[in-house]
Structure formats: structure tokens, C-alpha cells
Amino acid sequence: MLIFNLIGQQYLSMNVSFNSNFLEANVLNIVLLLSGLIYVLKQFLGSILLLRQEKVLFAINESEERLKQANIRLDEAEKQLAQTQIIINQIITEAQATAEKVRQSILDQGKIDIERLTISSKDSINYAESQVKEQIQQQIIDLAIKKVSVKLSNEMTTNLQNKIIDTKIMQLKDNIKI
């Protein structure tokens, strides 16, 4: 009632009159009509809102379930990534070890080849030196024989030849007696 008086005073100040007699103004009918509408609309809107609430809750539950599944898949993917990373690291380690072994093998084989070439070169040089020495000795011998032959042919007389032959025979006789 107090509310109606306040509303009425506002309308009075606006030169609008308010009838405070409830029976004449049909206020009771309006209140009953409003109450009925609120009751009916409450059930109607309540059922619509309840249905909407159920749909929202279902959507939320479904979203939470998808989130759980996505988190599970994410965890699995992270585990697979970790395992893959471990395998990659193992492969890299093995590749580095293999590369080091191959490098060392190549170096060792290179050293062996160098030693073999060095020995072969030394042998070739020694052989060449011996060949050169033999050739030089042969040339010296040939020159000496030629020189002696020339000298003998110039200095050798029949008397000298006989004297040499006699001396050699005497030496042989002495050797035979002993």
C-alpha cells in the first residue's frame, strides 16, 4: 500500500491523478492477473530454463571429457616425444662412435700405407744404389782391364813374358813340395 501511495504522489506531481480505491481501480484484478501470469510463466520459463541448464551441463560435461581425452593424448604424445628423443640421442651417440672408429681406422690404415711406402721407397733406393754401384764397379773394372791391356801390350815383351812364366812355375813347384 505504501508503494501505491508513493507512486500516486509521483503521478500527482505530474498532474496525473491516482485512484487509491482498490475496488474501483481494478487493482485487485490486475494483481491477480499478474500473479497468475507469473505462476504460469514461472512453470513455462522454468521448464525451458531447466532444459537449457541440462543442455549446458551436458555440453560442459562433454567438453570436460574431451579435455580429459585431449590431456591423455597430450601425455601420450609427450611420452612418445621423450622416447623418440632418447632414441635420437642414442643414434647420434652411435653415429659419433662409428665415425670415430672409421676415422681412427682410416688414420691407422694411412699410417700403415705410409710405412709401407717408406719401406718400399727405401728398398727401391737401396736397389738403385746397388745397381749404380755394380755399374760403376763394372765400368771401373772394364777401364782398369783396358788400361792394363794397353799397358801390357805396350810394355810386354817376349823376354818379360818368359820371365813371368818361369817365376810362376817356380812358385808352383815350391807349393807342390810343401
C-alpha atoms as a PDB file:
ATOM      1  CA  MET A   1       0.000   0.000   0.000  1.00  0.00           C
ATOM      2  CA  LEU A   2       2.814   2.309   0.790  1.00  0.00           C
ATOM      3  CA  ILE A   3       4.205   1.709  -2.660  1.00  0.00           C
ATOM      4  CA  PHE A   4       0.975   2.718  -4.290  1.00  0.00           C
ATOM      5  CA  ASN A   5       0.857   5.919  -2.266  1.00  0.00           C
ATOM      6  CA  LEU A   6       4.407   6.783  -3.373  1.00  0.00           C
ATOM      7  CA  ILE A   7       3.568   6.071  -6.981  1.00  0.00           C
ATOM      8  CA  GLY A   8       0.393   8.084  -6.616  1.00  0.00           C
ATOM      9  CA  GLN A   9       2.259  11.054  -5.210  1.00  0.00           C
ATOM     10  CA  GLN A  10       4.633  10.979  -8.173  1.00  0.00           C
ATOM     11  CA  TYR A  11       1.702  10.987 -10.558  1.00  0.00           C
ATOM     12  CA  LEU A  12       0.073  13.830  -8.602  1.00  0.00           C
ATOM     13  CA  SER A  13       3.116  15.908  -9.022  1.00  0.00           C
ATOM     14  CA  MET A  14       2.805  15.284 -12.772  1.00  0.00           C
ATOM     15  CA  ASN A  15      -0.815  16.309 -12.722  1.00  0.00           C
ATOM     16  CA  VAL A  16      -1.945  12.762 -13.154  1.00  0.00           C
ATOM     17  CA  SER A  17      -4.400  11.521 -10.621  1.00  0.00           C
ATOM     18  CA  PHE A  18      -4.243   8.156  -8.910  1.00  0.00           C
ATOM     19  CA  ASN A  19      -7.296   6.441  -7.582  1.00  0.00           C
ATOM     20  CA  SER A  20      -6.454   4.819  -4.279  1.00  0.00           C
ATOM     21  CA  ASN A  21      -9.718   2.921  -4.076  1.00  0.00           C
ATOM     22  CA  PHE A  22      -8.750  -0.632  -4.984  1.00  0.00           C
ATOM     23  CA  LEU A  23     -12.153  -1.824  -5.912  1.00  0.00           C
ATOM     24  CA  GLU A  24     -12.791   0.978  -8.345  1.00  0.00           C
ATOM     25  CA  ALA A  25      -9.369   0.868  -9.908  1.00  0.00           C
ATOM     26  CA  ASN A  26      -9.373  -2.895 -10.535  1.00  0.00           C
ATOM     27  CA  VAL A  27      -6.051  -3.150  -8.817  1.00  0.00           C
ATOM     28  CA  LEU A  28      -7.067  -6.444  -7.304  1.00  0.00           C
ATOM     29  CA  ASN A  29      -7.851  -7.862 -10.762  1.00  0.00           C
ATOM     30  CA  ILE A  30      -4.522  -6.635 -12.086  1.00  0.00           C
ATOM     31  CA  VAL A  31      -2.674  -8.172  -9.108  1.00  0.00           C
ATOM     32  CA  LEU A  32      -4.462 -11.484  -9.599  1.00  0.00           C
ATOM     33  CA  LEU A  33      -3.746 -11.403 -13.309  1.00  0.00           C
ATOM     34  CA  LEU A  34      -0.086 -10.648 -12.698  1.00  0.00           C
ATOM     35  CA  SER A  35       0.131 -13.425 -10.085  1.00  0.00           C
ATOM     36  CA  GLY A  36      -1.422 -15.902 -12.487  1.00  0.00           C
ATOM     37  CA  LEU A  37       0.901 -14.841 -15.273  1.00  0.00           C
ATOM     38  CA  ILE A  38       3.933 -15.137 -13.009  1.00  0.00           C
ATOM     39  CA  TYR A  39       2.858 -18.596 -11.886  1.00  0.00           C
ATOM     40  CA  VAL A  40       2.205 -19.842 -15.409  1.00  0.00           C
ATOM     41  CA  LEU A  41       5.281 -18.173 -16.850  1.00  0.00           C
ATOM     42  CA  LYS A  42       7.359 -19.453 -13.967  1.00  0.00           C
ATOM     43  CA  GLN A  43       6.480 -23.052 -14.845  1.00  0.00           C
ATOM     44  CA  PHE A  44       6.888 -22.443 -18.577  1.00  0.00           C
ATOM     45  CA  LEU A  45      10.120 -20.462 -18.269  1.00  0.00           C
ATOM     46  CA  GLY A  46      11.300 -22.777 -15.509  1.00  0.00           C
ATOM     47  CA  SER A  47      10.951 -25.829 -17.751  1.00  0.00           C
ATOM     48  CA  ILE A  48      12.673 -24.013 -20.631  1.00  0.00           C
ATOM     49  CA  LEU A  49      15.433 -22.826 -18.311  1.00  0.00           C
ATOM     50  CA  LEU A  50      15.758 -26.297 -16.788  1.00  0.00           C
ATOM     51  CA  LEU A  51      16.041 -27.812 -20.276  1.00  0.00           C
ATOM     52  CA  ARG A  52      18.609 -25.192 -21.230  1.00  0.00           C
ATOM     53  CA  GLN A  53      20.511 -25.848 -17.981  1.00  0.00           C
ATOM     54  CA  GLU A  54      20.586 -29.578 -18.768  1.00  0.00           C
ATOM     55  CA  LYS A  55      21.906 -28.877 -22.274  1.00  0.00           C
ATOM     56  CA  VAL A  56      24.577 -26.548 -20.876  1.00  0.00           C
ATOM     57  CA  LEU A  57      25.586 -29.092 -18.214  1.00  0.00           C
ATOM     58  CA  PHE A  58      25.716 -31.833 -20.850  1.00  0.00           C
ATOM     59  CA  ALA A  59      27.861 -29.620 -23.078  1.00  0.00           C
ATOM     60  CA  ILE A  60      30.133 -28.801 -20.131  1.00  0.00           C
ATOM     61  CA  ASN A  61      30.474 -32.475 -19.208  1.00  0.00           C
ATOM     62  CA  GLU A  62      31.144 -33.379 -22.821  1.00  0.00           C
ATOM     63  CA  SER A  63      33.769 -30.613 -23.056  1.00  0.00           C
ATOM     64  CA  GLU A  64      35.395 -31.790 -19.830  1.00  0.00           C
ATOM     65  CA  GLU A  65      35.503 -35.344 -21.193  1.00  0.00           C
ATOM     66  CA  ARG A  66      37.075 -34.129 -24.446  1.00  0.00           C
ATOM     67  CA  LEU A  67      39.557 -32.105 -22.374  1.00  0.00           C
ATOM     68  CA  LYS A  68      40.484 -35.223 -20.367  1.00  0.00           C
ATOM     69  CA  GLN A  69      40.937 -37.219 -23.570  1.00  0.00           C
ATOM     70  CA  ALA A  70      42.987 -34.422 -25.101  1.00  0.00           C
ATOM     71  CA  ASN A  71      45.162 -34.293 -21.975  1.00  0.00           C
ATOM     72  CA  ILE A  72      45.613 -38.082 -22.129  1.00  0.00           C
ATOM     73  CA  ARG A  73      46.613 -37.843 -25.820  1.00  0.00           C
ATOM     74  CA  LEU A  74      48.938 -34.950 -24.973  1.00  0.00           C
ATOM     75  CA  ASP A  75      50.605 -37.002 -22.211  1.00  0.00           C
ATOM     76  CA  GLU A  76      50.996 -39.934 -24.614  1.00  0.00           C
ATOM     77  CA  ALA A  77      52.446 -37.648 -27.279  1.00  0.00           C
ATOM     78  CA  GLU A  78      54.886 -36.163 -24.761  1.00  0.00           C
ATOM     79  CA  LYS A  79      55.950 -39.680 -23.698  1.00  0.00           C
ATOM     80  CA  GLN A  80      56.447 -40.641 -27.341  1.00  0.00           C
ATOM     81  CA  LEU A  81      58.421 -37.445 -27.907  1.00  0.00           C
ATOM     82  CA  ALA A  82      60.629 -38.237 -24.917  1.00  0.00           C
ATOM     83  CA  GLN A  83      61.174 -41.794 -26.165  1.00  0.00           C
ATOM     84  CA  THR A  84      61.900 -40.522 -29.660  1.00  0.00           C
ATOM     85  CA  GLN A  85      64.364 -38.005 -28.253  1.00  0.00           C
ATOM     86  CA  ILE A  86      66.114 -40.802 -26.323  1.00  0.00           C
ATOM     87  CA  ILE A  87      66.319 -42.914 -29.487  1.00  0.00           C
ATOM     88  CA  ILE A  88      67.623 -39.933 -31.478  1.00  0.00           C
ATOM     89  CA  ASN A  89      70.277 -39.303 -28.831  1.00  0.00           C
ATOM     90  CA  GLN A  90      71.280 -42.984 -28.936  1.00  0.00           C
ATOM     91  CA  ILE A  91      71.513 -42.875 -32.723  1.00  0.00           C
ATOM     92  CA  ILE A  92      73.621 -39.715 -32.569  1.00  0.00           C
ATOM     93  CA  THR A  93      75.913 -41.284 -29.954  1.00  0.00           C
ATOM     94  CA  GLU A  94      76.279 -44.466 -32.009  1.00  0.00           C
ATOM     95  CA  ALA A  95      76.901 -42.455 -35.180  1.00  0.00           C
ATOM     96  CA  GLN A  96      79.593 -40.415 -33.441  1.00  0.00           C
ATOM     97  CA  ALA A  97      81.233 -43.575 -32.072  1.00  0.00           C
ATOM     98  CA  THR A  98      81.112 -45.200 -35.504  1.00  0.00           C
ATOM     99  CA  ALA A  99      82.502 -42.070 -37.144  1.00  0.00           C
ATOM    100  CA  GLU A 100      85.340 -42.010 -34.605  1.00  0.00           C
ATOM    101  CA  LYS A 101      86.095 -45.690 -35.248  1.00  0.00           C
ATOM    102  CA  VAL A 102      86.075 -45.125 -39.010  1.00  0.00           C
ATOM    103  CA  ARG A 103      88.282 -42.051 -38.648  1.00  0.00           C
ATOM    104  CA  GLN A 104      90.730 -43.968 -36.447  1.00  0.00           C
ATOM    105  CA  SER A 105      90.696 -46.902 -38.865  1.00  0.00           C
ATOM    106  CA  ILE A 106      91.439 -44.563 -41.775  1.00  0.00           C
ATOM    107  CA  LEU A 107      94.270 -42.941 -39.815  1.00  0.00           C
ATOM    108  CA  ASP A 108      95.718 -46.333 -38.850  1.00  0.00           C
ATOM    109  CA  GLN A 109      95.465 -47.575 -42.438  1.00  0.00           C
ATOM    110  CA  GLY A 110      97.093 -44.335 -43.617  1.00  0.00           C
ATOM    111  CA  LYS A 111      99.980 -44.852 -41.198  1.00  0.00           C
ATOM    112  CA  ILE A 112     100.417 -48.449 -42.387  1.00  0.00           C
ATOM    113  CA  ASP A 113     100.349 -47.306 -46.023  1.00  0.00           C
ATOM    114  CA  ILE A 114     102.892 -44.565 -45.308  1.00  0.00           C
ATOM    115  CA  GLU A 115     105.185 -47.044 -43.549  1.00  0.00           C
ATOM    116  CA  ARG A 116     104.831 -49.498 -46.437  1.00  0.00           C
ATOM    117  CA  LEU A 117     105.563 -46.752 -48.977  1.00  0.00           C
ATOM    118  CA  THR A 118     108.552 -45.593 -46.925  1.00  0.00           C
ATOM    119  CA  ILE A 119     109.958 -49.115 -46.752  1.00  0.00           C
ATOM    120  CA  SER A 120     109.261 -49.649 -50.448  1.00  0.00           C
ATOM    121  CA  SER A 121     110.948 -46.334 -51.295  1.00  0.00           C
ATOM    122  CA  LYS A 122     113.980 -47.211 -49.173  1.00  0.00           C
ATOM    123  CA  ASP A 123     114.187 -50.636 -50.830  1.00  0.00           C
ATOM    124  CA  SER A 124     113.899 -49.031 -54.257  1.00  0.00           C
ATOM    125  CA  ILE A 125     116.590 -46.514 -53.373  1.00  0.00           C
ATOM    126  CA  ASN A 126     118.878 -49.265 -51.976  1.00  0.00           C
ATOM    127  CA  TYR A 127     118.313 -51.388 -55.078  1.00  0.00           C
ATOM    128  CA  ALA A 128     119.018 -48.438 -57.341  1.00  0.00           C
ATOM    129  CA  GLU A 129     122.170 -47.640 -55.347  1.00  0.00           C
ATOM    130  CA  SER A 130     123.402 -51.247 -55.606  1.00  0.00           C
ATOM    131  CA  GLN A 131     122.683 -51.251 -59.339  1.00  0.00           C
ATOM    132  CA  VAL A 132     124.574 -47.975 -59.764  1.00  0.00           C
ATOM    133  CA  LYS A 133     127.469 -49.323 -57.643  1.00  0.00           C
ATOM    134  CA  GLU A 134     127.627 -52.508 -59.726  1.00  0.00           C
ATOM    135  CA  GLN A 135     127.591 -50.499 -62.937  1.00  0.00           C
ATOM    136  CA  ILE A 136     130.299 -48.180 -61.645  1.00  0.00           C
ATOM    137  CA  GLN A 137     132.407 -51.155 -60.460  1.00  0.00           C
ATOM    138  CA  GLN A 138     131.945 -52.880 -63.795  1.00  0.00           C
ATOM    139  CA  GLN A 139     132.952 -49.732 -65.634  1.00  0.00           C
ATOM    140  CA  ILE A 140     135.971 -49.308 -63.349  1.00  0.00           C
ATOM    141  CA  ILE A 141     136.931 -52.950 -63.911  1.00  0.00           C
ATOM    142  CA  ASP A 142     136.460 -52.588 -67.648  1.00  0.00           C
ATOM    143  CA  LEU A 143     138.555 -49.398 -67.663  1.00  0.00           C
ATOM    144  CA  ALA A 144     141.231 -50.995 -65.498  1.00  0.00           C
ATOM    145  CA  ILE A 145     141.374 -54.069 -67.762  1.00  0.00           C
ATOM    146  CA  LYS A 146     141.625 -51.868 -70.819  1.00  0.00           C
ATOM    147  CA  LYS A 147     144.314 -49.777 -69.209  1.00  0.00           C
ATOM    148  CA  VAL A 148     146.267 -52.828 -68.101  1.00  0.00           C
ATOM    149  CA  SER A 149     145.795 -54.425 -71.514  1.00  0.00           C
ATOM    150  CA  VAL A 150     147.071 -51.313 -73.221  1.00  0.00           C
ATOM    151  CA  LYS A 151     149.975 -51.005 -70.798  1.00  0.00           C
ATOM    152  CA  LEU A 152     150.825 -54.695 -71.111  1.00  0.00           C
ATOM    153  CA  SER A 153     150.634 -54.650 -74.843  1.00  0.00           C
ATOM    154  CA  ASN A 154     152.973 -51.627 -74.848  1.00  0.00           C
ATOM    155  CA  GLU A 155     155.391 -52.953 -72.238  1.00  0.00           C
ATOM    156  CA  MET A 156     155.182 -56.689 -72.598  1.00  0.00           C
ATOM    157  CA  THR A 157     157.982 -58.230 -74.498  1.00  0.00           C
ATOM    158  CA  THR A 158     158.766 -61.863 -75.094  1.00  0.00           C
ATOM    159  CA  ASN A 159     161.601 -61.808 -72.591  1.00  0.00           C
ATOM    160  CA  LEU A 160     159.325 -60.372 -69.939  1.00  0.00           C
ATOM    161  CA  GLN A 161     156.670 -62.954 -70.720  1.00  0.00           C
ATOM    162  CA  ASN A 162     159.184 -65.787 -70.383  1.00  0.00           C
ATOM    163  CA  LYS A 163     160.492 -64.398 -67.134  1.00  0.00           C
ATOM    164  CA  ILE A 164     156.964 -64.179 -65.662  1.00  0.00           C
ATOM    165  CA  ILE A 165     156.163 -67.719 -66.778  1.00  0.00           C
ATOM    166  CA  ASP A 166     159.369 -69.034 -65.206  1.00  0.00           C
ATOM    167  CA  THR A 167     158.626 -67.259 -61.926  1.00  0.00           C
ATOM    168  CA  LYS A 168     155.153 -68.688 -61.758  1.00  0.00           C
ATOM    169  CA  ILE A 169     156.370 -72.192 -62.489  1.00  0.00           C
ATOM    170  CA  MET A 170     158.875 -71.910 -59.657  1.00  0.00           C
ATOM    171  CA  GLN A 171     156.216 -70.800 -57.260  1.00  0.00           C
ATOM    172  CA  LEU A 172     154.089 -73.747 -58.235  1.00  0.00           C
ATOM    173  CA  LYS A 173     156.956 -76.166 -57.631  1.00  0.00           C
ATOM    174  CA  ASP A 174     157.561 -74.703 -54.220  1.00  0.00           C
ATOM    175  CA  ASN A 175     153.885 -75.029 -53.365  1.00  0.00           C
ATOM    176  CA  ILE A 176     153.811 -78.605 -54.524  1.00  0.00           C
ATOM    177  CA  LYS A 177     156.804 -79.559 -52.332  1.00  0.00           C
ATOM    178  CA  ILE A 178     155.201 -78.291 -49.260  1.00  0.00           C
END
